[in-house]
N, C-alpha and C. Protein backbone atom coordinates (compact mmCIF):
# COMPACT_ATOMS: atom_id res chain seq x y z
N UNK A 1 29.27 6.31 -0.78
CA UNK A 1 27.94 6.92 -0.74
C UNK A 1 26.91 5.88 -0.32
N UNK A 2 26.11 6.21 0.67
CA UNK A 2 25.09 5.30 1.18
C UNK A 2 23.79 5.49 0.40
N UNK A 3 23.20 4.36 -0.01
CA UNK A 3 21.91 4.44 -0.69
C UNK A 3 20.81 4.16 0.33
N UNK A 4 19.70 4.79 0.14
CA UNK A 4 18.60 4.66 1.09
C UNK A 4 17.34 4.26 0.32
N UNK A 5 16.77 3.14 0.69
CA UNK A 5 15.53 2.69 0.07
C UNK A 5 14.37 3.38 0.79
N UNK A 6 13.87 4.43 0.21
CA UNK A 6 12.79 5.15 0.89
C UNK A 6 11.58 5.36 -0.01
N UNK A 7 11.38 4.42 -0.90
CA UNK A 7 10.18 4.43 -1.73
C UNK A 7 9.41 3.15 -1.41
N UNK A 8 8.15 3.31 -1.11
CA UNK A 8 7.35 2.19 -0.63
C UNK A 8 6.19 1.87 -1.56
N UNK A 9 5.99 0.59 -1.79
CA UNK A 9 4.74 0.06 -2.33
C UNK A 9 4.06 -0.54 -1.11
N UNK A 10 2.81 -0.19 -0.87
CA UNK A 10 2.14 -0.67 0.33
C UNK A 10 0.73 -1.15 0.00
N UNK A 11 0.22 -2.01 0.88
CA UNK A 11 -1.14 -2.53 0.75
C UNK A 11 -1.85 -2.30 2.08
N UNK A 12 -3.04 -1.70 1.99
CA UNK A 12 -3.87 -1.47 3.16
C UNK A 12 -5.06 -2.40 3.15
N UNK A 13 -5.47 -2.82 4.33
CA UNK A 13 -6.76 -3.49 4.48
C UNK A 13 -7.72 -2.45 5.03
N UNK A 14 -8.80 -2.22 4.31
CA UNK A 14 -9.79 -1.22 4.71
C UNK A 14 -10.79 -1.84 5.68
N UNK A 15 -11.60 -1.00 6.31
CA UNK A 15 -12.58 -1.45 7.28
C UNK A 15 -13.60 -2.42 6.67
N UNK A 16 -13.83 -2.33 5.37
CA UNK A 16 -14.77 -3.24 4.71
C UNK A 16 -14.07 -4.48 4.16
N UNK A 17 -12.83 -4.73 4.59
CA UNK A 17 -12.00 -5.86 4.18
C UNK A 17 -11.50 -5.79 2.74
N UNK A 18 -11.71 -4.69 2.07
CA UNK A 18 -11.15 -4.54 0.74
C UNK A 18 -9.68 -4.16 0.87
N UNK A 19 -8.95 -4.29 -0.23
CA UNK A 19 -7.53 -3.97 -0.25
C UNK A 19 -7.29 -2.72 -1.07
N UNK A 20 -6.34 -1.93 -0.64
CA UNK A 20 -5.94 -0.73 -1.37
C UNK A 20 -4.43 -0.76 -1.49
N UNK A 21 -3.91 -0.53 -2.68
CA UNK A 21 -2.47 -0.50 -2.91
C UNK A 21 -2.04 0.89 -3.32
N UNK A 22 -0.86 1.29 -2.87
CA UNK A 22 -0.38 2.62 -3.21
C UNK A 22 1.13 2.74 -3.14
N UNK A 23 1.59 3.94 -3.44
CA UNK A 23 3.00 4.29 -3.40
C UNK A 23 3.17 5.49 -2.47
N UNK A 24 4.26 5.53 -1.74
CA UNK A 24 4.60 6.70 -0.95
C UNK A 24 6.11 6.71 -0.68
N UNK A 25 6.59 7.86 -0.23
CA UNK A 25 7.99 7.93 0.22
C UNK A 25 8.05 8.15 1.74
N UNK A 26 6.88 8.13 2.40
CA UNK A 26 6.81 8.25 3.86
C UNK A 26 5.62 7.42 4.33
N UNK A 27 5.87 6.16 4.65
CA UNK A 27 4.81 5.21 4.93
C UNK A 27 3.96 5.58 6.14
N UNK A 28 4.57 5.90 7.25
CA UNK A 28 3.80 6.23 8.45
C UNK A 28 2.90 7.43 8.23
N UNK A 29 3.43 8.46 7.61
CA UNK A 29 2.64 9.66 7.35
C UNK A 29 1.48 9.36 6.40
N UNK A 30 1.75 8.54 5.39
CA UNK A 30 0.71 8.23 4.41
C UNK A 30 -0.44 7.43 5.04
N UNK A 31 -0.12 6.48 5.90
CA UNK A 31 -1.17 5.71 6.57
C UNK A 31 -2.00 6.62 7.47
N UNK A 32 -1.34 7.52 8.19
CA UNK A 32 -2.06 8.48 9.03
C UNK A 32 -2.97 9.36 8.18
N UNK A 33 -2.50 9.75 7.01
CA UNK A 33 -3.31 10.57 6.11
C UNK A 33 -4.54 9.80 5.65
N UNK A 34 -4.35 8.53 5.29
CA UNK A 34 -5.50 7.70 4.90
C UNK A 34 -6.51 7.61 6.05
N UNK A 35 -6.03 7.37 7.25
CA UNK A 35 -6.93 7.22 8.40
C UNK A 35 -7.60 8.53 8.80
N UNK A 36 -7.03 9.64 8.38
CA UNK A 36 -7.66 10.94 8.62
C UNK A 36 -8.72 11.26 7.56
N UNK A 37 -8.91 10.33 6.61
CA UNK A 37 -9.91 10.53 5.57
C UNK A 37 -9.43 11.43 4.44
N UNK A 38 -8.12 11.62 4.34
CA UNK A 38 -7.57 12.52 3.32
C UNK A 38 -6.62 11.82 2.37
N UNK A 39 -6.47 10.53 2.48
CA UNK A 39 -5.46 9.82 1.70
C UNK A 39 -5.82 9.57 0.26
N UNK A 40 -7.01 9.10 0.00
CA UNK A 40 -7.44 8.77 -1.35
C UNK A 40 -8.96 8.69 -1.34
N UNK A 41 -9.55 8.96 -2.49
CA UNK A 41 -11.00 8.90 -2.60
C UNK A 41 -11.51 7.51 -2.21
N UNK A 42 -10.76 6.46 -2.59
CA UNK A 42 -11.19 5.09 -2.30
C UNK A 42 -11.21 4.80 -0.81
N UNK A 43 -10.18 5.22 -0.08
CA UNK A 43 -10.09 4.86 1.34
C UNK A 43 -10.91 5.76 2.25
N UNK A 44 -11.25 6.94 1.79
CA UNK A 44 -11.95 7.91 2.64
C UNK A 44 -13.18 7.32 3.35
N UNK A 45 -14.10 6.64 2.64
CA UNK A 45 -15.26 6.08 3.34
C UNK A 45 -15.00 4.70 3.96
N UNK A 46 -13.76 4.21 3.86
CA UNK A 46 -13.45 2.85 4.31
C UNK A 46 -12.47 2.82 5.48
N UNK A 47 -12.42 3.89 6.25
CA UNK A 47 -11.51 3.93 7.40
C UNK A 47 -12.15 3.22 8.58
N UNK A 48 -11.36 2.73 9.51
CA UNK A 48 -9.90 2.83 9.54
C UNK A 48 -9.25 1.82 8.59
N UNK A 49 -8.04 2.13 8.19
CA UNK A 49 -7.25 1.22 7.37
C UNK A 49 -6.03 0.79 8.17
N UNK A 50 -5.50 -0.37 7.81
CA UNK A 50 -4.25 -0.81 8.44
C UNK A 50 -3.33 -1.35 7.37
N UNK A 51 -2.07 -1.10 7.53
CA UNK A 51 -1.07 -1.56 6.58
C UNK A 51 -0.84 -3.05 6.82
N UNK A 52 -1.07 -3.86 5.79
CA UNK A 52 -0.89 -5.30 5.92
C UNK A 52 0.33 -5.80 5.15
N UNK A 53 0.94 -4.92 4.35
CA UNK A 53 2.11 -5.33 3.57
C UNK A 53 2.80 -4.09 3.02
N UNK A 54 4.11 -4.15 2.94
CA UNK A 54 4.85 -3.11 2.23
C UNK A 54 6.20 -3.66 1.77
N UNK A 55 6.72 -3.04 0.73
CA UNK A 55 8.05 -3.33 0.22
C UNK A 55 8.77 -2.01 0.05
N UNK A 56 10.07 -2.02 0.20
CA UNK A 56 10.87 -0.81 -0.01
C UNK A 56 11.68 -0.96 -1.29
N UNK A 57 11.90 0.18 -1.95
CA UNK A 57 12.63 0.20 -3.21
C UNK A 57 13.60 1.37 -3.23
N UNK A 58 14.60 1.27 -4.07
CA UNK A 58 15.60 2.32 -4.23
C UNK A 58 15.02 3.51 -5.01
N UNK A 59 14.11 3.24 -5.94
CA UNK A 59 13.58 4.31 -6.78
C UNK A 59 12.06 4.31 -6.78
N UNK A 60 11.51 5.47 -7.10
CA UNK A 60 10.06 5.62 -7.22
C UNK A 60 9.53 4.73 -8.34
N UNK A 61 10.25 4.66 -9.43
CA UNK A 61 9.82 3.87 -10.57
C UNK A 61 9.66 2.39 -10.22
N UNK A 62 10.61 1.85 -9.46
CA UNK A 62 10.52 0.44 -9.05
C UNK A 62 9.29 0.21 -8.17
N UNK A 63 9.07 1.10 -7.23
CA UNK A 63 7.92 0.97 -6.33
C UNK A 63 6.61 1.06 -7.10
N UNK A 64 6.55 1.97 -8.04
CA UNK A 64 5.32 2.14 -8.81
C UNK A 64 5.09 0.96 -9.77
N UNK A 65 6.16 0.35 -10.26
CA UNK A 65 6.01 -0.86 -11.07
C UNK A 65 5.42 -1.99 -10.23
N UNK A 66 5.89 -2.12 -8.99
CA UNK A 66 5.36 -3.16 -8.10
C UNK A 66 3.88 -2.90 -7.80
N UNK A 67 3.53 -1.63 -7.57
CA UNK A 67 2.13 -1.28 -7.32
C UNK A 67 1.27 -1.64 -8.53
N UNK A 68 1.71 -1.27 -9.72
CA UNK A 68 0.95 -1.55 -10.93
C UNK A 68 0.76 -3.06 -11.11
N UNK A 69 1.84 -3.83 -10.95
CA UNK A 69 1.76 -5.28 -11.11
C UNK A 69 0.77 -5.88 -10.11
N UNK A 70 0.81 -5.40 -8.88
CA UNK A 70 -0.10 -5.89 -7.84
C UNK A 70 -1.55 -5.61 -8.22
N UNK A 71 -1.82 -4.44 -8.73
CA UNK A 71 -3.18 -4.05 -9.08
C UNK A 71 -3.74 -4.86 -10.25
N UNK A 72 -2.88 -5.53 -11.01
CA UNK A 72 -3.34 -6.36 -12.12
C UNK A 72 -3.81 -7.74 -11.65
N UNK A 73 -3.52 -8.09 -10.42
CA UNK A 73 -3.87 -9.40 -9.88
C UNK A 73 -5.32 -9.44 -9.42
N UNK A 74 -5.87 -10.65 -9.40
CA UNK A 74 -7.18 -10.86 -8.78
C UNK A 74 -7.03 -10.91 -7.27
N UNK A 75 -8.13 -10.84 -6.54
CA UNK A 75 -8.07 -10.81 -5.08
C UNK A 75 -7.32 -12.01 -4.49
N UNK A 76 -7.61 -13.20 -4.97
CA UNK A 76 -6.94 -14.40 -4.43
C UNK A 76 -5.42 -14.30 -4.61
N UNK A 77 -4.99 -13.88 -5.79
CA UNK A 77 -3.56 -13.73 -6.03
C UNK A 77 -2.96 -12.60 -5.19
N UNK A 78 -3.73 -11.54 -4.98
CA UNK A 78 -3.26 -10.45 -4.11
C UNK A 78 -3.04 -10.97 -2.70
N UNK A 79 -3.99 -11.76 -2.19
CA UNK A 79 -3.85 -12.31 -0.84
C UNK A 79 -2.65 -13.24 -0.76
N UNK A 80 -2.43 -14.05 -1.78
CA UNK A 80 -1.25 -14.91 -1.81
C UNK A 80 0.03 -14.09 -1.83
N UNK A 81 0.05 -13.01 -2.59
CA UNK A 81 1.21 -12.14 -2.70
C UNK A 81 1.61 -11.56 -1.34
N UNK A 82 0.62 -11.11 -0.59
CA UNK A 82 0.93 -10.49 0.71
C UNK A 82 0.97 -11.48 1.85
N UNK A 83 0.77 -12.76 1.55
CA UNK A 83 0.85 -13.78 2.59
C UNK A 83 -0.48 -14.03 3.30
N UNK A 84 -1.58 -13.60 2.71
CA UNK A 84 -2.89 -13.82 3.30
C UNK A 84 -3.17 -12.86 4.45
N UNK A 85 -4.41 -12.82 4.86
CA UNK A 85 -4.82 -11.99 6.01
C UNK A 85 -5.37 -12.90 7.09
N UNK A 86 -5.15 -12.53 8.28
CA UNK A 86 -5.61 -13.33 9.41
C UNK A 86 -6.98 -12.88 9.85
């Protein structure tokens, strides 16, 4: 039986240079939804957004744990986690 890692923890850089972290099981569709102004209340006024980091996980729970842990970090630690922004 083949396992498929299709749960994503992702980080977006918003137009105002803020970061947004989330979970999805379809990364491309979710980013398009954010850019259409329908993704989340936070990103709606901050479009366009671009995906600057993502990780894949076997389960939704693992991905959501990674999202939660990321959200507990300060901005400097978040930037270090994702490898900084150019």
